[in-house]
Every structure is written in structure tokens, then in C-alpha cells.
Amino acid sequence: MLVTGSLLILAPFMIPLVWGIIIAVALWPVHIKVTGLVGNKKNLSATLITILAVLILVIPSLMLMGSIIQGSQFLIENFEAGTLTFPGPTDDVKAWPLIGEPLYHFWDLASHNLKAFINEYSEQIKGVGSWLLETITGLGLTILQFLISIIIAGVFLAKTELGQQAADRIAKKLVGKQSEEFVKLTTGTIRSVVQGVIGIAAIQAVASTILLLIGGIPFAGLWALLILVLAIMQLPPLLILGPIVVYAFTIMGTTGAIVFSIFAILISISDSLLKPIFLGRGVEIPMLVILLGAIGGMLVAGILGLFIGAVILALSYKLTMAWLNSEEAD
């Protein structure tokens, strides 16, 4: 009853708490280096890391929200003034397999008769608008949860000895003499997933944002957020960047569009180059485990669950396999 009651009481804080622990474990090597640079003052190191992490979160978040608001205002103002136009599709679009004809009709109608387009697809537009409103609202809540998690992580970093002792004692109760090995596997798995999956996805999202802003693509922040989600799920960012490349050829010159396309492809395939660098001697996690963890986590806890789900399922997989292998060895 006490365990159940405690879990119910902590349930509203569980997601930020778990993410805070994950951040603390992932940043612990950085914390050790910074501690040495500031004269072995652990509290100062934890404070500096927390402030830097907050800035890293807040600045892109403000850029994302600003991009969405600015893009929405642009659409509304130009629509009310009757000056909102879209570049029309080329005839080559018709030749695309499966989606060519319907996409050409959809695109051509939007570019030549926007009011007729809105009347014909009013229900779909309302659905997309409702989804966007819910997404923006949920995004604000997610940013708040991130901030809380970062502060929690800072507290854990300042109290690393207590955390290490607690982890060791719990592991000894659960797995006995193999506790040290399991604790090392736990920390190694968390850092591997955070650096090799989430870290690379963040790099691809930031690079995509820069590319989209330079290219003058509307809603750059929103597309970057979708790219971040896909990259964590181990899906290629080209699923988002591909259609944008097609759009780029309609608003840019040929040379500019080709350069844009090359960088979009490089960003999409960059994970294969970055993983050996970021993972290093990290643990191997099957792609399916990361995919299921990310999708399941997002369904359970929104965008924040996308990050937590991938780490938790990967950790569960590695610990289960280690436990099964230890039983076979015995």
C-alpha cells in the first residue's frame, strides 16, 4: 500500500523526474571535467551546467515559437488582404508514381484559386488547424517539463555521491554480486542512447533549422521539430526535407535549389557518419527497440516521452539480456 500510494503521489512528477535522472547520468562526465576547471567546487559546476542547459533549451524554443507565430501571422495577414499565393506545380509532378495526379490537382488548385481550395478541403484544413493548435499548446507544456527536468538534473549532479550510493545499494538488493556490472551497464546504456540517438537527432534538427532559415522556407521551426521526432525514431529526415526540396525548386533558382538539395541529403545521411563518433564504445541497441521506445513514449507522455521512451526501453532491453546471459553463465 505504501509503494502504491507513493507512486500515485509522485505520478505527476514522474516523467520530469525520470528525464532529470537521465540528463544527470548523461552529463556526469561533463560535470566531472567542469568541476576540475572550477577548483573542485561541485555545486558551482552543477549550477553552471544547469544554467547552460537552460539557455540551450530556451533559445531554440523561443526561435521555434517565433517561427511558428511569424509564419501564422504572415499567412493570416496575406489571406485577409487577398495577396496570399503559392507557386504552382510543374508538369513533372503529374509523372510522379501513385501521388502525382492527386498532388498536382491539390497543389494547382491552391496556387490558382485559394478560396476554392479552402472550400473544397475545409474539413481537412480544420483538422490540421486543430492539430497545430494542440501541438503548440502541448509544446509549451513540454518546454516547461524540460526546464523542470534540467533543474532536477542539476540537483542530482550536485549530489552525485548520494545518487551513486543509492544506485549501488538498490542494484545489490536486486542482482547481488553482479550489482557493479549492472550499474555500469545502466549508465553506459543511458549515455549511449542520449549521445548516439538523441544527440545526433538534435544535431540534424539544428542543421535543418539553419538550412531552412537560409533557404527562406516558411515554418522552419515546425519542420525542424518534425525532423527531430523522425530522427529519434531512427527514420530519415529526408521524409520531411524531400517535399521541402521539391518546394525549393519552385521558389529558388536552379543553382540555389541544387545546393539546398545537396545539404538536405547530407543532413539526412549524417547519422551514419556521426554514430561511430558519438557512440564510440557504446552499447549496441537494435533499431526496433529505439523505434518502439520512442513511439510508445510519445503516445504515453507526449514529446518528452519521445526522449524518455527510447532510453527506458533500450535500458530495459540491455538489462534483460544481461540478466538472461548471467543466468546462462551460472
C-alpha atoms as a PDB file:
ATOM      1  CA  MET A   1       0.000   0.000   0.000  1.00  0.00           C
ATOM      2  CA  LEU A   2       2.855   2.398   0.805  1.00  0.00           C
ATOM      3  CA  VAL A   3       4.571   1.681  -2.515  1.00  0.00           C
ATOM      4  CA  THR A   4       1.325   2.135  -4.474  1.00  0.00           C
ATOM      5  CA  GLY A   5       0.463   5.315  -2.579  1.00  0.00           C
ATOM      6  CA  SER A   6       3.927   6.752  -3.128  1.00  0.00           C
ATOM      7  CA  LEU A   7       3.778   6.040  -6.857  1.00  0.00           C
ATOM      8  CA  LEU A   8       0.351   7.687  -7.143  1.00  0.00           C
ATOM      9  CA  ILE A   9       1.598  10.774  -5.312  1.00  0.00           C
ATOM     10  CA  LEU A  10       4.724  11.016  -7.466  1.00  0.00           C
ATOM     11  CA  ALA A  11       2.914  10.210 -10.750  1.00  0.00           C
ATOM     12  CA  PRO A  12       2.507  13.877 -11.838  1.00  0.00           C
ATOM     13  CA  PHE A  13       6.264  14.394 -11.350  1.00  0.00           C
ATOM     14  CA  MET A  14       7.436  11.019 -12.625  1.00  0.00           C
ATOM     15  CA  ILE A  15       8.206  11.984 -16.254  1.00  0.00           C
ATOM     16  CA  PRO A  16      10.283  15.108 -15.401  1.00  0.00           C
ATOM     17  CA  LEU A  17      11.958  13.163 -12.568  1.00  0.00           C
ATOM     18  CA  VAL A  18      12.968  10.263 -14.812  1.00  0.00           C
ATOM     19  CA  TRP A  19      14.176  12.641 -17.532  1.00  0.00           C
ATOM     20  CA  GLY A  20      16.129  14.575 -14.900  1.00  0.00           C
ATOM     21  CA  ILE A  21      17.891  11.367 -13.831  1.00  0.00           C
ATOM     22  CA  ILE A  22      18.677  10.528 -17.467  1.00  0.00           C
ATOM     23  CA  ILE A  23      20.112  14.015 -18.106  1.00  0.00           C
ATOM     24  CA  ALA A  24      22.205  13.825 -14.917  1.00  0.00           C
ATOM     25  CA  VAL A  25      23.671  10.429 -15.861  1.00  0.00           C
ATOM     26  CA  ALA A  26      24.386  11.599 -19.417  1.00  0.00           C
ATOM     27  CA  LEU A  27      26.073  14.829 -18.252  1.00  0.00           C
ATOM     28  CA  TRP A  28      28.059  13.326 -15.379  1.00  0.00           C
ATOM     29  CA  PRO A  29      31.356  13.100 -17.374  1.00  0.00           C
ATOM     30  CA  VAL A  30      30.930  16.772 -18.335  1.00  0.00           C
ATOM     31  CA  HIS A  31      30.216  17.609 -14.683  1.00  0.00           C
ATOM     32  CA  ILE A  32      33.478  15.940 -13.598  1.00  0.00           C
ATOM     33  CA  LYS A  33      35.511  17.964 -16.140  1.00  0.00           C
ATOM     34  CA  VAL A  34      33.844  21.256 -15.232  1.00  0.00           C
ATOM     35  CA  THR A  35      34.340  20.516 -11.512  1.00  0.00           C
ATOM     36  CA  GLY A  36      38.071  20.224 -12.113  1.00  0.00           C
ATOM     37  CA  LEU A  37      38.105  23.519 -14.021  1.00  0.00           C
ATOM     38  CA  VAL A  38      36.350  25.466 -11.223  1.00  0.00           C
ATOM     39  CA  GLY A  39      38.549  24.257  -8.383  1.00  0.00           C
ATOM     40  CA  ASN A  40      36.639  21.084  -7.422  1.00  0.00           C
ATOM     41  CA  LYS A  41      33.521  23.060  -6.498  1.00  0.00           C
ATOM     42  CA  LYS A  42      30.809  20.557  -7.364  1.00  0.00           C
ATOM     43  CA  ASN A  43      27.867  22.814  -6.574  1.00  0.00           C
ATOM     44  CA  LEU A  44      29.267  25.580  -8.772  1.00  0.00           C
ATOM     45  CA  SER A  45      29.846  23.094 -11.602  1.00  0.00           C
ATOM     46  CA  ALA A  46      26.287  21.768 -11.325  1.00  0.00           C
ATOM     47  CA  THR A  47      24.918  25.327 -11.321  1.00  0.00           C
ATOM     48  CA  LEU A  48      26.909  26.349 -14.407  1.00  0.00           C
ATOM     49  CA  ILE A  49      25.833  23.232 -16.308  1.00  0.00           C
ATOM     50  CA  THR A  50      22.194  23.808 -15.335  1.00  0.00           C
ATOM     51  CA  ILE A  51      22.266  27.447 -16.495  1.00  0.00           C
ATOM     52  CA  LEU A  52      23.925  26.479 -19.795  1.00  0.00           C
ATOM     53  CA  ALA A  53      21.400  23.662 -20.359  1.00  0.00           C
ATOM     54  CA  VAL A  54      18.506  26.055 -19.693  1.00  0.00           C
ATOM     55  CA  LEU A  55      19.904  28.530 -22.235  1.00  0.00           C
ATOM     56  CA  ILE A  56      20.394  25.759 -24.803  1.00  0.00           C
ATOM     57  CA  LEU A  57      16.742  24.796 -24.310  1.00  0.00           C
ATOM     58  CA  VAL A  58      15.180  28.261 -24.082  1.00  0.00           C
ATOM     59  CA  ILE A  59      16.890  29.942 -27.067  1.00  0.00           C
ATOM     60  CA  PRO A  60      15.884  27.309 -29.705  1.00  0.00           C
ATOM     61  CA  SER A  61      12.418  27.089 -28.110  1.00  0.00           C
ATOM     62  CA  LEU A  62      11.904  30.836 -28.496  1.00  0.00           C
ATOM     63  CA  MET A  63      13.139  30.601 -32.094  1.00  0.00           C
ATOM     64  CA  LEU A  64      10.707  27.745 -32.771  1.00  0.00           C
ATOM     65  CA  MET A  65       7.733  29.559 -31.247  1.00  0.00           C
ATOM     66  CA  GLY A  66       8.727  32.782 -33.013  1.00  0.00           C
ATOM     67  CA  SER A  67       8.956  30.964 -36.343  1.00  0.00           C
ATOM     68  CA  ILE A  68       5.501  29.433 -35.894  1.00  0.00           C
ATOM     69  CA  ILE A  69       3.903  32.728 -34.778  1.00  0.00           C
ATOM     70  CA  GLN A  70       5.585  34.737 -37.539  1.00  0.00           C
ATOM     71  CA  GLY A  71       4.573  32.214 -40.187  1.00  0.00           C
ATOM     72  CA  SER A  72       0.976  32.143 -38.921  1.00  0.00           C
ATOM     73  CA  GLN A  73       0.736  35.957 -38.920  1.00  0.00           C
ATOM     74  CA  PHE A  74       2.126  36.062 -42.454  1.00  0.00           C
ATOM     75  CA  LEU A  75      -0.498  33.600 -43.689  1.00  0.00           C
ATOM     76  CA  ILE A  76      -3.391  35.332 -41.914  1.00  0.00           C
ATOM     77  CA  GLU A  77      -2.434  38.864 -42.999  1.00  0.00           C
ATOM     78  CA  ASN A  78      -1.883  37.917 -46.636  1.00  0.00           C
ATOM     79  CA  PHE A  79      -5.036  35.805 -46.765  1.00  0.00           C
ATOM     80  CA  GLU A  80      -7.160  38.675 -45.406  1.00  0.00           C
ATOM     81  CA  ALA A  81      -5.547  41.072 -47.877  1.00  0.00           C
ATOM     82  CA  GLY A  82      -6.119  38.639 -50.746  1.00  0.00           C
ATOM     83  CA  THR A  83      -2.416  38.575 -51.596  1.00  0.00           C
ATOM     84  CA  LEU A  84      -1.629  35.073 -50.371  1.00  0.00           C
ATOM     85  CA  THR A  85      -0.310  32.991 -53.271  1.00  0.00           C
ATOM     86  CA  PHE A  86       1.582  29.757 -53.726  1.00  0.00           C
ATOM     87  CA  PRO A  87       3.887  28.861 -56.625  1.00  0.00           C
ATOM     88  CA  GLY A  88       2.199  26.373 -58.932  1.00  0.00           C
ATOM     89  CA  PRO A  89       3.466  22.835 -59.613  1.00  0.00           C
ATOM     90  CA  THR A  90       5.402  21.913 -62.718  1.00  0.00           C
ATOM     91  CA  ASP A  91       4.088  19.362 -65.210  1.00  0.00           C
ATOM     92  CA  ASP A  92       6.710  16.919 -63.977  1.00  0.00           C
ATOM     93  CA  VAL A  93       4.687  16.452 -60.789  1.00  0.00           C
ATOM     94  CA  LYS A  94       1.995  14.606 -62.781  1.00  0.00           C
ATOM     95  CA  ALA A  95       4.536  11.949 -63.724  1.00  0.00           C
ATOM     96  CA  TRP A  96       5.267  11.007 -60.116  1.00  0.00           C
ATOM     97  CA  PRO A  97       4.085   7.471 -59.356  1.00  0.00           C
ATOM     98  CA  LEU A  98       0.902   6.993 -57.299  1.00  0.00           C
ATOM     99  CA  ILE A  99       0.672  10.523 -55.840  1.00  0.00           C
ATOM    100  CA  GLY A 100       1.439  12.566 -58.987  1.00  0.00           C
ATOM    101  CA  GLU A 101      -2.097  13.279 -60.268  1.00  0.00           C
ATOM    102  CA  PRO A 102      -3.833  13.991 -56.913  1.00  0.00           C
ATOM    103  CA  LEU A 103      -0.881  16.044 -55.682  1.00  0.00           C
ATOM    104  CA  TYR A 104      -0.865  18.104 -58.900  1.00  0.00           C
ATOM    105  CA  HIS A 105      -4.598  18.839 -58.573  1.00  0.00           C
ATOM    106  CA  PHE A 106      -4.219  19.694 -54.867  1.00  0.00           C
ATOM    107  CA  TRP A 107      -1.219  21.953 -55.455  1.00  0.00           C
ATOM    108  CA  ASP A 108      -2.542  23.583 -58.625  1.00  0.00           C
ATOM    109  CA  LEU A 109      -5.868  24.467 -57.017  1.00  0.00           C
ATOM    110  CA  ALA A 110      -4.114  26.041 -54.001  1.00  0.00           C
ATOM    111  CA  SER A 111      -1.864  28.132 -56.236  1.00  0.00           C
ATOM    112  CA  HIS A 112      -4.546  29.433 -58.633  1.00  0.00           C
ATOM    113  CA  ASN A 113      -7.751  29.606 -56.592  1.00  0.00           C
ATOM    114  CA  LEU A 114      -7.086  29.621 -52.865  1.00  0.00           C
ATOM    115  CA  LYS A 115     -10.707  30.260 -51.867  1.00  0.00           C
ATOM    116  CA  ALA A 116     -11.944  27.296 -53.910  1.00  0.00           C
ATOM    117  CA  PHE A 117      -9.152  25.209 -52.388  1.00  0.00           C
ATOM    118  CA  ILE A 118     -10.256  26.174 -48.858  1.00  0.00           C
ATOM    119  CA  ASN A 119     -13.902  25.413 -49.663  1.00  0.00           C
ATOM    120  CA  GLU A 120     -13.068  22.013 -51.139  1.00  0.00           C
ATOM    121  CA  TYR A 121     -10.746  20.941 -48.323  1.00  0.00           C
ATOM    122  CA  SER A 122     -12.364  22.864 -45.435  1.00  0.00           C
ATOM    123  CA  GLU A 123     -12.774  19.807 -43.195  1.00  0.00           C
ATOM    124  CA  GLN A 124      -9.160  18.707 -43.666  1.00  0.00           C
ATOM    125  CA  ILE A 125      -7.900  22.259 -43.060  1.00  0.00           C
ATOM    126  CA  LYS A 126      -9.920  22.482 -39.833  1.00  0.00           C
ATOM    127  CA  GLY A 127      -8.448  19.180 -38.701  1.00  0.00           C
ATOM    128  CA  VAL A 128      -4.906  20.331 -39.443  1.00  0.00           C
ATOM    129  CA  GLY A 129      -5.573  23.663 -37.691  1.00  0.00           C
ATOM    130  CA  SER A 130      -6.878  21.929 -34.563  1.00  0.00           C
ATOM    131  CA  TRP A 131      -3.873  19.615 -34.569  1.00  0.00           C
ATOM    132  CA  LEU A 132      -1.474  22.552 -34.907  1.00  0.00           C
ATOM    133  CA  LEU A 133      -3.159  24.416 -32.040  1.00  0.00           C
ATOM    134  CA  GLU A 134      -2.973  21.358 -29.788  1.00  0.00           C
ATOM    135  CA  THR A 135       0.650  20.799 -30.806  1.00  0.00           C
ATOM    136  CA  ILE A 136       1.675  24.373 -29.991  1.00  0.00           C
ATOM    137  CA  THR A 137      -0.113  24.209 -26.623  1.00  0.00           C
ATOM    138  CA  GLY A 138       1.485  20.868 -25.843  1.00  0.00           C
ATOM    139  CA  LEU A 139       4.858  22.219 -26.932  1.00  0.00           C
ATOM    140  CA  GLY A 140       4.694  24.965 -24.309  1.00  0.00           C
ATOM    141  CA  LEU A 141       3.920  22.389 -21.597  1.00  0.00           C
ATOM    142  CA  THR A 142       6.757  20.188 -22.840  1.00  0.00           C
ATOM    143  CA  ILE A 143       9.240  23.071 -22.648  1.00  0.00           C
ATOM    144  CA  LEU A 144       8.140  23.678 -19.036  1.00  0.00           C
ATOM    145  CA  GLN A 145       8.663  19.986 -18.245  1.00  0.00           C
ATOM    146  CA  PHE A 146      12.112  20.160 -19.843  1.00  0.00           C
ATOM    147  CA  LEU A 147      13.007  23.125 -17.631  1.00  0.00           C
ATOM    148  CA  ILE A 148      11.864  21.256 -14.506  1.00  0.00           C
ATOM    149  CA  SER A 149      13.859  18.190 -15.580  1.00  0.00           C
ATOM    150  CA  ILE A 150      17.013  20.253 -16.128  1.00  0.00           C
ATOM    151  CA  ILE A 151      16.711  21.746 -12.630  1.00  0.00           C
ATOM    152  CA  ILE A 152      16.209  18.244 -11.180  1.00  0.00           C
ATOM    153  CA  ALA A 153      19.267  17.048 -13.115  1.00  0.00           C
ATOM    154  CA  GLY A 154      21.284  19.931 -11.651  1.00  0.00           C
ATOM    155  CA  VAL A 155      20.307  18.850  -8.128  1.00  0.00           C
ATOM    156  CA  PHE A 156      21.339  15.265  -8.880  1.00  0.00           C
ATOM    157  CA  LEU A 157      24.668  16.425 -10.299  1.00  0.00           C
ATOM    158  CA  ALA A 158      25.340  18.383  -7.117  1.00  0.00           C
ATOM    159  CA  LYS A 159      24.613  15.222  -5.080  1.00  0.00           C
ATOM    160  CA  THR A 160      26.344  12.620  -7.236  1.00  0.00           C
ATOM    161  CA  GLU A 161      27.816  10.660  -4.313  1.00  0.00           C
ATOM    162  CA  LEU A 162      24.393  10.094  -2.749  1.00  0.00           C
ATOM    163  CA  GLY A 163      22.972   9.055  -6.113  1.00  0.00           C
ATOM    164  CA  GLN A 164      25.819   6.624  -6.723  1.00  0.00           C
ATOM    165  CA  GLN A 165      25.400   5.079  -3.281  1.00  0.00           C
ATOM    166  CA  ALA A 166      21.646   4.697  -3.786  1.00  0.00           C
ATOM    167  CA  ALA A 167      22.146   3.058  -7.202  1.00  0.00           C
ATOM    168  CA  ASP A 168      24.737   0.637  -5.795  1.00  0.00           C
ATOM    169  CA  ARG A 169      22.564  -0.363  -2.837  1.00  0.00           C
ATOM    170  CA  ILE A 170      19.460  -0.899  -4.992  1.00  0.00           C
ATOM    171  CA  ALA A 171      21.474  -2.948  -7.506  1.00  0.00           C
ATOM    172  CA  LYS A 172      22.900  -5.138  -4.722  1.00  0.00           C
ATOM    173  CA  LYS A 173      19.390  -5.863  -3.463  1.00  0.00           C
ATOM    174  CA  LEU A 174      18.222  -6.784  -6.957  1.00  0.00           C
ATOM    175  CA  VAL A 175      21.129  -8.689  -8.521  1.00  0.00           C
ATOM    176  CA  GLY A 176      23.564  -9.344  -5.660  1.00  0.00           C
ATOM    177  CA  LYS A 177      27.207  -9.829  -6.553  1.00  0.00           C
ATOM    178  CA  GLN A 178      26.729  -8.586 -10.144  1.00  0.00           C
ATOM    179  CA  SER A 179      25.488  -5.182  -8.970  1.00  0.00           C
ATOM    180  CA  GLU A 180      28.578  -3.233 -10.049  1.00  0.00           C
ATOM    181  CA  GLU A 181      28.428  -4.692 -13.563  1.00  0.00           C
ATOM    182  CA  PHE A 182      24.718  -3.851 -13.876  1.00  0.00           C
ATOM    183  CA  VAL A 183      25.224  -0.266 -12.669  1.00  0.00           C
ATOM    184  CA  LYS A 184      27.968   0.238 -15.260  1.00  0.00           C
ATOM    185  CA  LEU A 185      25.724  -1.247 -17.957  1.00  0.00           C
ATOM    186  CA  THR A 186      22.907   1.086 -16.907  1.00  0.00           C
ATOM    187  CA  THR A 187      24.986   4.255 -17.075  1.00  0.00           C
ATOM    188  CA  GLY A 188      26.657   3.124 -20.310  1.00  0.00           C
ATOM    189  CA  THR A 189      23.303   2.422 -21.972  1.00  0.00           C
ATOM    190  CA  ILE A 190      21.822   5.775 -20.935  1.00  0.00           C
ATOM    191  CA  ARG A 191      24.820   7.719 -22.239  1.00  0.00           C
ATOM    192  CA  SER A 192      24.928   5.668 -25.421  1.00  0.00           C
ATOM    193  CA  VAL A 193      21.282   6.343 -26.287  1.00  0.00           C
ATOM    194  CA  VAL A 194      21.403  10.015 -25.259  1.00  0.00           C
ATOM    195  CA  GLN A 195      24.571  10.692 -27.264  1.00  0.00           C
ATOM    196  CA  GLY A 196      24.137   8.267 -30.160  1.00  0.00           C
ATOM    197  CA  VAL A 197      20.402   8.699 -30.768  1.00  0.00           C
ATOM    198  CA  ILE A 198      19.045  11.858 -29.140  1.00  0.00           C
ATOM    199  CA  GLY A 199      22.263  13.860 -29.581  1.00  0.00           C
ATOM    200  CA  ILE A 200      22.557  13.057 -33.282  1.00  0.00           C
ATOM    201  CA  ALA A 201      18.851  13.774 -33.806  1.00  0.00           C
ATOM    202  CA  ALA A 202      19.318  17.187 -32.160  1.00  0.00           C
ATOM    203  CA  ILE A 203      22.293  17.947 -34.425  1.00  0.00           C
ATOM    204  CA  GLN A 204      20.254  17.028 -37.507  1.00  0.00           C
ATOM    205  CA  ALA A 205      17.348  19.195 -36.303  1.00  0.00           C
ATOM    206  CA  VAL A 206      19.607  22.201 -35.658  1.00  0.00           C
ATOM    207  CA  ALA A 207      21.354  21.788 -39.028  1.00  0.00           C
ATOM    208  CA  SER A 208      17.959  21.514 -40.739  1.00  0.00           C
ATOM    209  CA  THR A 209      16.750  24.683 -38.994  1.00  0.00           C
ATOM    210  CA  ILE A 210      19.773  26.633 -40.244  1.00  0.00           C
ATOM    211  CA  LEU A 211      19.308  25.288 -43.781  1.00  0.00           C
ATOM    212  CA  LEU A 212      15.581  26.099 -43.813  1.00  0.00           C
ATOM    213  CA  LEU A 213      16.115  29.609 -42.442  1.00  0.00           C
ATOM    214  CA  ILE A 214      18.811  30.340 -45.037  1.00  0.00           C
ATOM    215  CA  GLY A 215      16.521  28.956 -47.751  1.00  0.00           C
ATOM    216  CA  GLY A 216      13.641  31.164 -46.595  1.00  0.00           C
ATOM    217  CA  ILE A 217      11.318  28.201 -46.004  1.00  0.00           C
ATOM    218  CA  PRO A 218       8.163  29.111 -44.019  1.00  0.00           C
ATOM    219  CA  PHE A 219       7.609  27.427 -40.605  1.00  0.00           C
ATOM    220  CA  ALA A 220      11.265  26.389 -40.380  1.00  0.00           C
ATOM    221  CA  GLY A 221      10.968  25.718 -36.635  1.00  0.00           C
ATOM    222  CA  LEU A 222       7.985  23.397 -37.063  1.00  0.00           C
ATOM    223  CA  TRP A 223       9.707  21.355 -39.784  1.00  0.00           C
ATOM    224  CA  ALA A 224      12.822  21.109 -37.607  1.00  0.00           C
ATOM    225  CA  LEU A 225      10.707  19.772 -34.729  1.00  0.00           C
ATOM    226  CA  LEU A 226       9.223  17.093 -37.001  1.00  0.00           C
ATOM    227  CA  ILE A 227      12.728  16.218 -38.211  1.00  0.00           C
ATOM    228  CA  LEU A 228      13.838  15.833 -34.576  1.00  0.00           C
ATOM    229  CA  VAL A 229      10.949  13.427 -33.923  1.00  0.00           C
ATOM    230  CA  LEU A 230      11.721  11.348 -37.029  1.00  0.00           C
ATOM    231  CA  ALA A 231      15.454  11.243 -36.305  1.00  0.00           C
ATOM    232  CA  ILE A 232      14.884   9.944 -32.758  1.00  0.00           C
ATOM    233  CA  MET A 233      12.628   7.270 -34.250  1.00  0.00           C
ATOM    234  CA  GLN A 234      15.591   6.345 -36.490  1.00  0.00           C
ATOM    235  CA  LEU A 235      13.701   7.450 -39.609  1.00  0.00           C
ATOM    236  CA  PRO A 236      15.456   9.583 -42.264  1.00  0.00           C
ATOM    237  CA  PRO A 237      14.885  13.371 -42.064  1.00  0.00           C
ATOM    238  CA  LEU A 238      14.534  13.249 -45.855  1.00  0.00           C
ATOM    239  CA  LEU A 239      10.893  12.281 -45.270  1.00  0.00           C
ATOM    240  CA  ILE A 240      10.382  15.939 -44.281  1.00  0.00           C
ATOM    241  CA  LEU A 241      13.210  17.532 -46.250  1.00  0.00           C
ATOM    242  CA  GLY A 242      12.290  15.726 -49.500  1.00  0.00           C
ATOM    243  CA  PRO A 243       8.981  17.557 -50.107  1.00  0.00           C
ATOM    244  CA  ILE A 244      10.651  20.798 -48.986  1.00  0.00           C
ATOM    245  CA  VAL A 245      13.347  20.253 -51.636  1.00  0.00           C
ATOM    246  CA  VAL A 246      10.579  19.975 -54.246  1.00  0.00           C
ATOM    247  CA  TYR A 247       9.122  23.238 -52.931  1.00  0.00           C
ATOM    248  CA  ALA A 248      12.578  24.839 -53.002  1.00  0.00           C
ATOM    249  CA  PHE A 249      12.840  24.244 -56.757  1.00  0.00           C
ATOM    250  CA  THR A 250       9.675  26.336 -57.212  1.00  0.00           C
ATOM    251  CA  ILE A 251      10.870  29.367 -55.216  1.00  0.00           C
ATOM    252  CA  MET A 252      14.639  29.343 -55.802  1.00  0.00           C
ATOM    253  CA  GLY A 253      16.856  29.483 -58.822  1.00  0.00           C
ATOM    254  CA  THR A 254      18.179  26.186 -60.173  1.00  0.00           C
ATOM    255  CA  THR A 255      21.636  26.612 -58.618  1.00  0.00           C
ATOM    256  CA  GLY A 256      20.263  27.582 -55.220  1.00  0.00           C
ATOM    257  CA  ALA A 257      17.788  24.699 -55.213  1.00  0.00           C
ATOM    258  CA  ILE A 258      20.523  22.196 -56.143  1.00  0.00           C
ATOM    259  CA  VAL A 259      22.750  23.444 -53.314  1.00  0.00           C
ATOM    260  CA  PHE A 260      19.771  23.270 -50.951  1.00  0.00           C
ATOM    261  CA  SER A 261      19.101  19.677 -52.089  1.00  0.00           C
ATOM    262  CA  ILE A 262      22.728  18.608 -51.540  1.00  0.00           C
ATOM    263  CA  PHE A 263      22.750  19.929 -47.970  1.00  0.00           C
ATOM    264  CA  ALA A 264      19.357  18.329 -47.277  1.00  0.00           C
ATOM    265  CA  ILE A 265      20.711  14.942 -48.379  1.00  0.00           C
ATOM    266  CA  LEU A 266      23.904  15.399 -46.339  1.00  0.00           C
ATOM    267  CA  ILE A 267      21.859  16.193 -43.227  1.00  0.00           C
ATOM    268  CA  SER A 268      19.662  13.154 -43.794  1.00  0.00           C
ATOM    269  CA  ILE A 269      22.589  10.725 -44.103  1.00  0.00           C
ATOM    270  CA  SER A 270      24.772  12.402 -41.464  1.00  0.00           C
ATOM    271  CA  ASP A 271      23.674   9.951 -38.757  1.00  0.00           C
ATOM    272  CA  SER A 272      25.681   7.173 -40.397  1.00  0.00           C
ATOM    273  CA  LEU A 273      28.789   9.373 -40.110  1.00  0.00           C
ATOM    274  CA  LEU A 274      28.095  10.708 -36.610  1.00  0.00           C
ATOM    275  CA  LYS A 275      27.125   7.465 -34.869  1.00  0.00           C
ATOM    276  CA  PRO A 276      30.652   5.987 -34.834  1.00  0.00           C
ATOM    277  CA  ILE A 277      31.902   9.273 -33.320  1.00  0.00           C
ATOM    278  CA  PHE A 278      29.190   9.691 -30.688  1.00  0.00           C
ATOM    279  CA  LEU A 279      28.644   6.055 -29.808  1.00  0.00           C
ATOM    280  CA  GLY A 280      32.321   5.119 -29.681  1.00  0.00           C
ATOM    281  CA  ARG A 281      32.465   2.047 -27.477  1.00  0.00           C
ATOM    282  CA  GLY A 282      28.805   2.430 -26.557  1.00  0.00           C
ATOM    283  CA  VAL A 283      26.375  -0.447 -26.300  1.00  0.00           C
ATOM    284  CA  GLU A 284      24.599  -1.769 -29.368  1.00  0.00           C
ATOM    285  CA  ILE A 285      20.828  -1.259 -29.313  1.00  0.00           C
ATOM    286  CA  PRO A 286      18.570  -2.766 -32.021  1.00  0.00           C
ATOM    287  CA  MET A 287      16.809  -0.130 -34.108  1.00  0.00           C
ATOM    288  CA  LEU A 288      13.401  -1.710 -33.388  1.00  0.00           C
ATOM    289  CA  VAL A 289      13.893  -1.203 -29.645  1.00  0.00           C
ATOM    290  CA  ILE A 290      14.622   2.521 -30.129  1.00  0.00           C
ATOM    291  CA  LEU A 291      11.707   2.895 -32.553  1.00  0.00           C
ATOM    292  CA  LEU A 292       9.171   1.201 -30.257  1.00  0.00           C
ATOM    293  CA  GLY A 293      10.505   3.105 -27.245  1.00  0.00           C
ATOM    294  CA  ALA A 294      10.252   6.466 -29.000  1.00  0.00           C
ATOM    295  CA  ILE A 295       6.772   5.882 -30.436  1.00  0.00           C
ATOM    296  CA  GLY A 296       5.404   4.299 -27.248  1.00  0.00           C
ATOM    297  CA  GLY A 297       6.931   7.019 -25.096  1.00  0.00           C
ATOM    298  CA  MET A 298       5.409   9.747 -27.263  1.00  0.00           C
ATOM    299  CA  LEU A 299       1.962   8.127 -27.101  1.00  0.00           C
ATOM    300  CA  VAL A 300       2.184   7.890 -23.309  1.00  0.00           C
ATOM    301  CA  ALA A 301       3.841  11.196 -22.393  1.00  0.00           C
ATOM    302  CA  GLY A 302       3.923  13.428 -25.468  1.00  0.00           C
ATOM    303  CA  ILE A 303       7.119  14.903 -26.908  1.00  0.00           C
ATOM    304  CA  LEU A 304       9.057  14.430 -23.659  1.00  0.00           C
ATOM    305  CA  GLY A 305       8.096  10.747 -23.704  1.00  0.00           C
ATOM    306  CA  LEU A 306       9.742  10.503 -27.119  1.00  0.00           C
ATOM    307  CA  PHE A 307      13.128  11.001 -25.424  1.00  0.00           C
ATOM    308  CA  ILE A 308      12.407   9.050 -22.248  1.00  0.00           C
ATOM    309  CA  GLY A 309      10.770   6.100 -24.015  1.00  0.00           C
ATOM    310  CA  ALA A 310      13.792   5.432 -26.212  1.00  0.00           C
ATOM    311  CA  VAL A 311      16.144   5.444 -23.203  1.00  0.00           C
ATOM    312  CA  ILE A 312      13.932   3.362 -20.898  1.00  0.00           C
ATOM    313  CA  LEU A 313      13.175   0.637 -23.460  1.00  0.00           C
ATOM    314  CA  ALA A 314      16.839   0.453 -24.518  1.00  0.00           C
ATOM    315  CA  LEU A 315      17.881   0.178 -20.876  1.00  0.00           C
ATOM    316  CA  SER A 316      15.253  -2.482 -20.187  1.00  0.00           C
ATOM    317  CA  TYR A 317      16.443  -4.458 -23.208  1.00  0.00           C
ATOM    318  CA  LYS A 318      20.117  -4.349 -22.205  1.00  0.00           C
ATOM    319  CA  LEU A 319      19.484  -5.202 -18.552  1.00  0.00           C
ATOM    320  CA  THR A 320      17.160  -8.069 -19.502  1.00  0.00           C
ATOM    321  CA  MET A 321      19.717  -9.511 -21.921  1.00  0.00           C
ATOM    322  CA  ALA A 322      22.469  -9.149 -19.311  1.00  0.00           C
ATOM    323  CA  TRP A 323      20.290 -10.871 -16.691  1.00  0.00           C
ATOM    324  CA  LEU A 324      19.472 -13.751 -19.068  1.00  0.00           C
ATOM    325  CA  ASN A 325      23.132 -14.140 -20.025  1.00  0.00           C
ATOM    326  CA  SER A 326      24.181 -14.142 -16.366  1.00  0.00           C
ATOM    327  CA  GLU A 327      21.686 -16.938 -15.637  1.00  0.00           C
ATOM    328  CA  GLU A 328      23.133 -18.991 -18.507  1.00  0.00           C
ATOM    329  CA  ALA A 329      26.662 -18.418 -17.183  1.00  0.00           C
ATOM    330  CA  ASP A 330      25.645 -19.577 -13.719  1.00  0.00           C
END
